[in-house]
Protein backbone atom coordinates (compact mmCIF):
# COMPACT_ATOMS: atom_id res chain seq x y z
CA MET A 1 11.77 47.44 -22.66
CA SER A 2 13.65 49.97 -24.68
CA ARG A 3 11.77 53.16 -26.24
CA ARG A 4 13.68 52.47 -29.76
CA THR A 5 12.75 48.49 -29.84
CA VAL A 6 8.92 49.93 -29.24
CA ARG A 7 9.03 52.68 -31.85
CA ARG A 8 10.97 50.08 -34.44
CA TYR A 9 7.94 48.02 -34.35
CA LEU A 10 5.08 50.61 -34.36
CA ARG A 11 6.64 52.00 -37.18
CA ASP A 12 7.34 48.86 -39.15
CA PRO A 13 5.08 45.96 -37.80
CA ALA A 14 6.62 43.30 -40.31
CA ALA A 15 10.09 44.08 -38.63
CA GLN A 16 12.00 40.83 -37.87
CA ARG A 17 10.86 39.75 -34.28
CA TYR A 18 12.43 37.22 -31.57
CA GLY A 19 10.34 33.55 -31.85
CA PRO A 20 9.74 31.25 -28.88
CA ARG A 21 12.86 29.52 -27.49
CA GLU A 22 13.46 26.07 -28.03
CA PRO A 23 12.88 24.00 -24.83
CA ARG A 24 15.70 23.22 -23.30
CA PRO A 25 16.80 19.33 -22.69
CA THR A 26 16.21 17.81 -19.54
CA LYS A 27 17.04 14.58 -17.82
CA LEU A 28 13.71 13.37 -17.42
CA GLY A 29 13.28 14.26 -21.00
CA PRO A 30 13.70 10.81 -22.67
CA TYR A 31 11.87 9.08 -20.02
CA ILE A 32 8.41 11.43 -20.32
CA SER A 33 7.00 8.81 -22.97
CA TYR A 34 6.96 5.85 -20.33
CA VAL A 35 6.06 8.00 -17.41
CA LEU A 36 3.16 9.33 -19.60
CA SER A 37 2.45 5.55 -20.59
CA ARG A 38 2.27 4.34 -16.78
CA VAL A 39 -0.12 6.94 -15.71
CA GLU A 40 -2.47 6.05 -18.81
CA ALA A 41 -2.15 2.77 -18.13
CA ALA A 42 -3.01 3.44 -14.34
CA ARG A 43 -6.20 5.70 -14.90
CA PRO A 44 -8.27 6.29 -12.84
CA LYS A 45 -5.99 5.49 -9.95
CA TRP A 46 -2.43 7.22 -9.49
CA ILE A 47 0.83 5.89 -9.44
CA PRO A 48 2.99 7.75 -6.66
CA ALA A 49 6.00 9.88 -8.11
CA SER A 50 8.31 7.19 -6.05
CA VAL A 51 7.16 4.23 -7.81
CA LEU A 52 7.61 5.74 -11.05
CA LEU A 53 11.20 7.31 -9.99
CA ARG A 54 12.27 3.68 -8.94
CA GLU A 55 10.89 2.41 -12.50
CA ILE A 56 12.83 5.08 -14.55
CA ARG A 57 16.08 5.14 -12.27
CA GLU A 58 16.12 1.25 -13.30
CA GLN A 59 16.16 2.14 -17.10
CA GLY A 60 18.89 4.86 -16.37
CA TYR A 61 17.02 8.10 -15.24
CA PRO A 62 19.94 10.12 -13.28
CA GLY A 63 17.91 12.94 -12.01
CA GLY A 64 15.81 13.34 -8.79
CA VAL A 65 12.33 13.03 -7.86
CA SER A 66 11.44 17.21 -7.78
CA GLN A 67 12.05 17.22 -11.62
CA LEU A 68 9.45 14.26 -11.96
CA ARG A 69 7.13 15.61 -9.48
CA ALA A 70 7.09 18.83 -11.04
CA TYR A 71 6.48 17.04 -14.65
CA LEU A 72 3.74 14.88 -12.77
CA ALA A 73 1.88 17.89 -11.03
CA PRO A 74 -0.84 18.96 -13.51
CA LEU A 75 -1.39 15.33 -14.46
CA LYS A 76 -2.72 14.55 -11.14
CA ARG A 77 -6.20 13.82 -10.29
CA GLY A 78 -7.19 14.74 -6.38
CA GLU A 79 -5.21 14.69 -3.11
CA PRO A 80 -5.88 11.76 -0.59
CA GLU A 81 -8.01 12.50 2.45
CA PRO A 82 -6.33 13.03 6.12
CA VAL A 83 -6.54 10.25 8.67
CA VAL A 84 -5.96 11.28 12.21
CA ARG A 85 -3.90 8.37 14.04
CA PHE A 86 -3.37 8.22 17.88
CA GLU A 87 -0.15 6.32 19.45
CA THR A 88 -0.06 2.68 21.28
CA GLU A 89 2.78 1.58 23.61
CA PRO A 90 4.73 -1.85 21.61
CA GLY A 91 2.77 -4.77 22.07
CA GLU A 92 -0.48 -3.07 22.87
CA GLN A 93 -2.69 -2.94 19.69
CA MET A 94 -3.08 -4.51 16.03
CA GLN A 95 -5.07 -2.88 13.71
CA ALA A 96 -6.84 -4.92 10.99
CA ASP A 97 -9.56 -4.28 8.42
CA PHE A 98 -10.71 -5.44 4.61
CA THR A 99 -10.62 -2.87 2.32
CA HIS A 100 -11.90 -3.52 -1.01
CA VAL A 101 -9.94 -3.19 -4.18
CA ARG A 102 -12.84 -4.41 -6.80
CA ARG A 103 -16.14 -4.94 -6.19
CA GLY A 104 -18.85 -6.48 -8.20
CA ARG A 105 -19.20 -9.94 -10.08
CA ASP A 106 -15.39 -10.73 -9.81
CA PRO A 107 -14.13 -9.01 -6.42
CA LEU A 108 -11.03 -8.42 -4.84
CA LEU A 109 -10.33 -7.34 -1.12
CA ALA A 110 -7.23 -6.89 1.02
CA PHE A 111 -6.93 -8.39 4.74
CA VAL A 112 -4.38 -5.76 6.26
CA ALA A 113 -3.39 -5.76 9.65
CA THR A 114 -1.05 -3.43 10.92
CA LEU A 115 0.89 -3.09 14.63
CA GLY A 116 0.30 -0.02 16.09
CA TYR A 117 3.76 0.55 17.54
CA SER A 118 6.08 -0.51 14.81
CA ARG A 119 3.81 0.12 11.65
CA ALA A 120 4.71 -3.28 10.87
CA SER A 121 1.98 -4.77 8.12
CA PHE A 122 0.56 -7.94 6.85
CA VAL A 123 -1.46 -8.42 3.69
CA ARG A 124 -3.39 -11.35 2.26
CA PHE A 125 -5.76 -10.76 -0.44
CA THR A 126 -9.24 -12.32 -0.67
CA VAL A 127 -12.52 -12.76 -2.42
CA ALA A 128 -14.65 -12.60 0.64
CA GLU A 129 -15.06 -10.81 4.19
CA ASP A 130 -16.70 -13.57 6.25
CA ALA A 131 -16.17 -14.92 9.84
CA ILE A 132 -14.07 -17.74 8.47
CA THR A 133 -11.87 -15.49 6.11
CA LEU A 134 -10.80 -13.10 8.91
CA CYS A 135 -10.22 -15.53 11.48
CA THR A 136 -8.07 -17.14 8.52
CA CYS A 137 -6.15 -14.31 8.20
CA LEU A 138 -5.95 -12.91 12.04
CA ARG A 139 -4.01 -16.12 12.23
CA GLU A 140 -1.55 -15.89 9.57
CA ALA A 141 -1.13 -12.50 10.68
CA LEU A 142 0.00 -12.81 14.17
CA THR A 143 2.00 -15.79 13.07
CA TYR A 144 3.91 -13.34 10.55
CA PHE A 145 4.19 -10.83 13.29
CA GLY A 146 5.80 -14.00 15.56
CA GLY A 147 3.37 -12.73 18.64
CA VAL A 148 0.35 -11.62 19.80
CA PRO A 149 -0.74 -7.63 20.73
CA ALA A 150 -3.06 -7.07 23.98
CA HIS A 151 -5.91 -6.55 21.90
CA VAL A 152 -7.23 -6.31 18.34
CA LEU A 153 -9.37 -3.32 16.89
CA LEU A 154 -11.24 -4.26 14.29
CA ASP A 155 -14.23 -2.73 12.65
CA ASN A 156 -18.06 -3.17 13.04
CA ALA A 157 -19.06 -5.79 10.45
CA SER A 158 -21.86 -7.95 11.60
CA THR A 159 -19.84 -10.94 10.47
CA MET A 160 -17.65 -10.33 13.47
CA VAL A 161 -20.19 -8.54 15.91
CA THR A 162 -23.75 -10.74 16.14
CA GLU A 163 -24.99 -8.25 19.01
CA ARG A 164 -23.77 -4.86 20.04
CA ASP A 165 -24.36 -4.16 23.43
CA ALA A 166 -25.32 -7.45 24.68
CA TYR A 167 -23.95 -8.05 27.71
CA GLY A 168 -24.24 -4.05 28.48
CA GLU A 169 -22.14 -1.01 26.89
CA GLY A 170 -19.02 -2.11 25.23
CA GLU A 171 -20.03 -5.40 25.75
CA HIS A 172 -20.52 -7.03 22.66
CA ARG A 173 -21.84 -10.86 21.45
CA TYR A 174 -19.03 -11.77 19.02
CA HIS A 175 -19.11 -14.53 16.48
CA ARG A 176 -18.25 -17.92 17.75
CA ASP A 177 -14.84 -18.21 15.65
CA LEU A 178 -13.56 -15.10 16.07
CA LEU A 179 -14.11 -15.93 20.09
CA ALA A 180 -12.40 -19.08 19.70
CA LEU A 181 -9.67 -17.57 18.34
CA ALA A 182 -9.08 -14.57 21.33
CA GLU A 183 -9.40 -17.44 23.68
CA GLU A 184 -6.41 -19.42 21.73
CA PHE A 185 -4.10 -16.41 20.80
CA GLY A 186 -4.91 -14.44 24.07
CA PHE A 187 -5.90 -11.54 22.86
CA ARG A 188 -8.95 -9.07 23.48
CA VAL A 189 -11.18 -8.08 20.63
CA ARG A 190 -11.97 -4.44 20.62
CA LEU A 191 -14.40 -2.17 18.02
CA CYS A 192 -13.65 1.10 16.51
CA ARG A 193 -16.89 3.24 17.61
CA PRO A 194 -19.87 3.11 14.83
CA TYR A 195 -19.60 5.48 12.08
CA ARG A 196 -15.70 6.00 12.95
CA ALA A 197 -13.53 3.65 10.88
CA LYS A 198 -11.02 6.20 10.83
CA THR A 199 -10.58 5.21 14.66
CA LYS A 200 -8.38 2.35 12.70
CA GLY A 201 -6.06 5.44 11.24
CA LYS A 202 -2.90 3.52 11.20
CA VAL A 203 -4.60 0.69 9.01
CA GLU A 204 -6.60 3.11 7.24
CA ARG A 205 -3.20 5.02 6.23
CA PHE A 206 -1.60 1.40 5.03
CA ASN A 207 -4.56 0.92 2.95
CA GLY A 208 -4.17 4.16 0.49
CA TYR A 209 -0.29 3.36 0.26
CA LEU A 210 -0.81 -0.09 -0.40
CA LYS A 211 -3.31 0.48 -3.38
CA SER A 212 -1.02 3.29 -4.78
CA SER A 213 2.15 1.74 -4.10
CA PHE A 214 1.24 -1.89 -4.74
CA LEU A 215 -1.94 -2.64 -6.25
CA VAL A 216 -1.85 0.21 -9.08
CA PRO A 217 1.18 -0.26 -10.17
CA LEU A 218 1.21 -3.88 -10.39
CA ALA A 219 -2.42 -3.65 -12.20
CA ALA A 220 -1.05 -1.33 -14.43
CA THR A 221 1.78 -3.93 -15.31
CA LEU A 222 -0.48 -6.69 -15.79
CA LYS A 223 -2.72 -4.29 -18.12
CA GLN A 224 0.41 -3.69 -20.24
CA SER A 225 0.29 -7.49 -20.62
CA GLY A 226 -2.95 -8.07 -21.34
CA LEU A 227 -3.72 -9.62 -17.96
CA LYS A 228 -5.48 -9.07 -14.89
CA LEU A 229 -5.16 -8.53 -11.50
CA ASP A 230 -6.87 -11.38 -9.38
CA VAL A 231 -6.37 -13.06 -6.03
CA THR A 232 -3.83 -15.22 -7.43
CA ALA A 233 -1.41 -12.81 -8.85
CA ALA A 234 -1.93 -10.30 -6.09
CA ASN A 235 -1.01 -12.94 -3.43
CA ALA A 236 2.03 -14.34 -5.54
CA HIS A 237 3.40 -10.57 -5.47
CA ILE A 238 2.69 -9.39 -2.07
CA GLY A 239 5.04 -11.35 0.00
CA PRO A 240 8.64 -9.89 -1.30
CA TRP A 241 6.77 -6.36 -1.48
CA LEU A 242 6.09 -6.37 2.15
CA GLN A 243 9.78 -7.75 3.00
CA ASN A 244 11.26 -5.46 0.47
CA VAL A 245 9.53 -1.85 0.32
CA ALA A 246 6.10 -1.62 2.97
CA ASN A 247 8.20 -2.79 6.04
CA ALA A 248 11.70 -1.72 4.99
CA ARG A 249 10.75 2.08 4.30
CA VAL A 250 11.48 4.79 6.08
CA HIS A 251 7.45 5.44 7.62
CA GLY A 252 6.15 8.83 7.19
CA THR A 253 5.27 9.33 10.81
CA THR A 254 7.21 7.43 13.18
CA GLY A 255 10.60 8.32 10.66
CA GLU A 256 11.55 4.80 11.46
CA VAL A 257 11.77 1.33 9.56
CA PRO A 258 8.81 -0.62 10.49
CA HIS A 259 11.31 -3.96 10.29
CA VAL A 260 13.41 -2.22 13.13
CA ARG A 261 10.35 -1.18 15.49
CA LEU A 262 9.07 -4.44 15.04
CA GLU A 263 12.06 -6.33 16.64
CA LEU A 264 11.53 -3.78 19.82
CA GLU A 265 7.73 -4.43 19.66
CA ARG A 266 8.59 -8.37 19.70
CA ALA A 267 9.74 -8.35 22.82
CA LYS A 268 6.38 -6.52 24.42
CA LEU A 269 4.34 -9.25 22.23
CA GLN A 270 2.74 -12.52 23.67
CA ALA A 271 4.03 -15.39 23.03
CA LEU A 272 2.27 -17.64 19.76
CA PRO A 273 0.23 -20.41 21.25
CA ALA A 274 1.71 -23.52 21.28
CA THR A 275 -0.38 -24.83 18.51
CA VAL A 276 1.21 -22.16 15.92
CA ALA A 277 4.56 -23.60 14.99
CA SER A 278 7.21 -21.40 16.26
CA SER A 279 9.14 -19.98 12.96
CA PRO A 280 10.37 -16.80 11.80
CA PRO A 281 7.98 -14.66 9.86
CA ILE A 282 8.25 -15.07 6.43
CA ALA A 283 7.13 -13.87 3.24
CA VAL A 284 4.09 -15.05 1.12
CA ALA A 285 6.06 -17.82 -0.93
CA ARG A 286 6.90 -16.67 -4.62
CA ARG A 287 5.63 -18.32 -7.64
CA THR A 288 5.77 -18.22 -11.27
CA LEU A 289 2.68 -17.68 -12.49
CA VAL A 290 2.40 -15.29 -15.34
CA PRO A 291 5.23 -13.57 -17.63
CA LEU A 292 5.66 -9.92 -17.06
CA PRO A 293 7.59 -7.28 -18.32
CA TYR A 294 10.86 -6.16 -16.52
CA GLU A 295 9.77 -3.03 -15.11
CA SER A 296 7.73 -1.80 -12.13
CA LEU A 297 6.68 -2.79 -8.80
CA GLN A 298 8.67 -0.19 -6.59
CA HIS A 299 11.56 -2.13 -5.78
CA PRO A 300 14.56 -3.57 -7.12
CA LEU A 301 13.36 -5.90 -9.94
CA SER A 302 15.95 -8.44 -8.84
CA VAL A 303 13.39 -9.34 -6.39
CA TYR A 304 11.16 -10.12 -8.79
CA GLN A 305 13.46 -12.18 -11.45
CA SER A 306 12.29 -15.69 -10.70
CA LEU A 307 8.76 -13.95 -11.07
CA LEU A 308 9.27 -12.60 -14.43
CA GLU A 309 10.99 -15.18 -16.13
CA VAL A 310 9.12 -17.01 -19.11
CA ALA A 311 8.95 -20.23 -19.94
């Protein structure tokens, strides 16, 4: 600083001074109120910057994700816990798990199945996690993938395992419905180690992605319309999201698109049993359930045009 400037202010404290500069307009400026409304509607959950970027680009935002992330950084609370993963050969493994979305008197769960090699995933929302529900979801997942892996890795829930090490170390007694399904489809059941649920690292990682990139934006959209997320609404939207977003994105670990790797993995999967109709994997059927605002859900809104129409 110039000595003359310092001297002038010391002699005359009332001398004219420079005021704070006016903030420069940014590309993000016109969309800040929308971003803040989405963040608050999702609390205490968090909508990722990639999701919000898709939404505001639909409204004409011309900027990139860096500016958006810089703005969101002070608003974010907490970071996801890292998950340890290991790789498997094509057709070797499918990991399956139930993840709780909402507990209490009005529960909401998601059954998630992820193929170990391709990282292609299947999701079905339920209100229970009993053996019958598990077997139904496993059947739908294998049909969706169009083949059967060598083994399916599950958690240690008592609904699946009636007695651990019943026939020797690592030889457990499973629920009869689960055994019947395994025999019908030709896969072997394996369990992750007790108290080591993250042995299922691939499906655990997808559980977090499902909640942050699908459930939180959907719940926020429904909330803004005065509606509540339930099993019917979640299942009505999950099919197109899996088809056009989750299984069509470049996976962060493999660096490839799950749909592309799935085509390679199918060559190594066992054929579906004759009792299952041989048809290509399809997404969950679309159904118009409730009017929703014309925004959100992380992918091109034209996908949901039929869902968002108000009668």
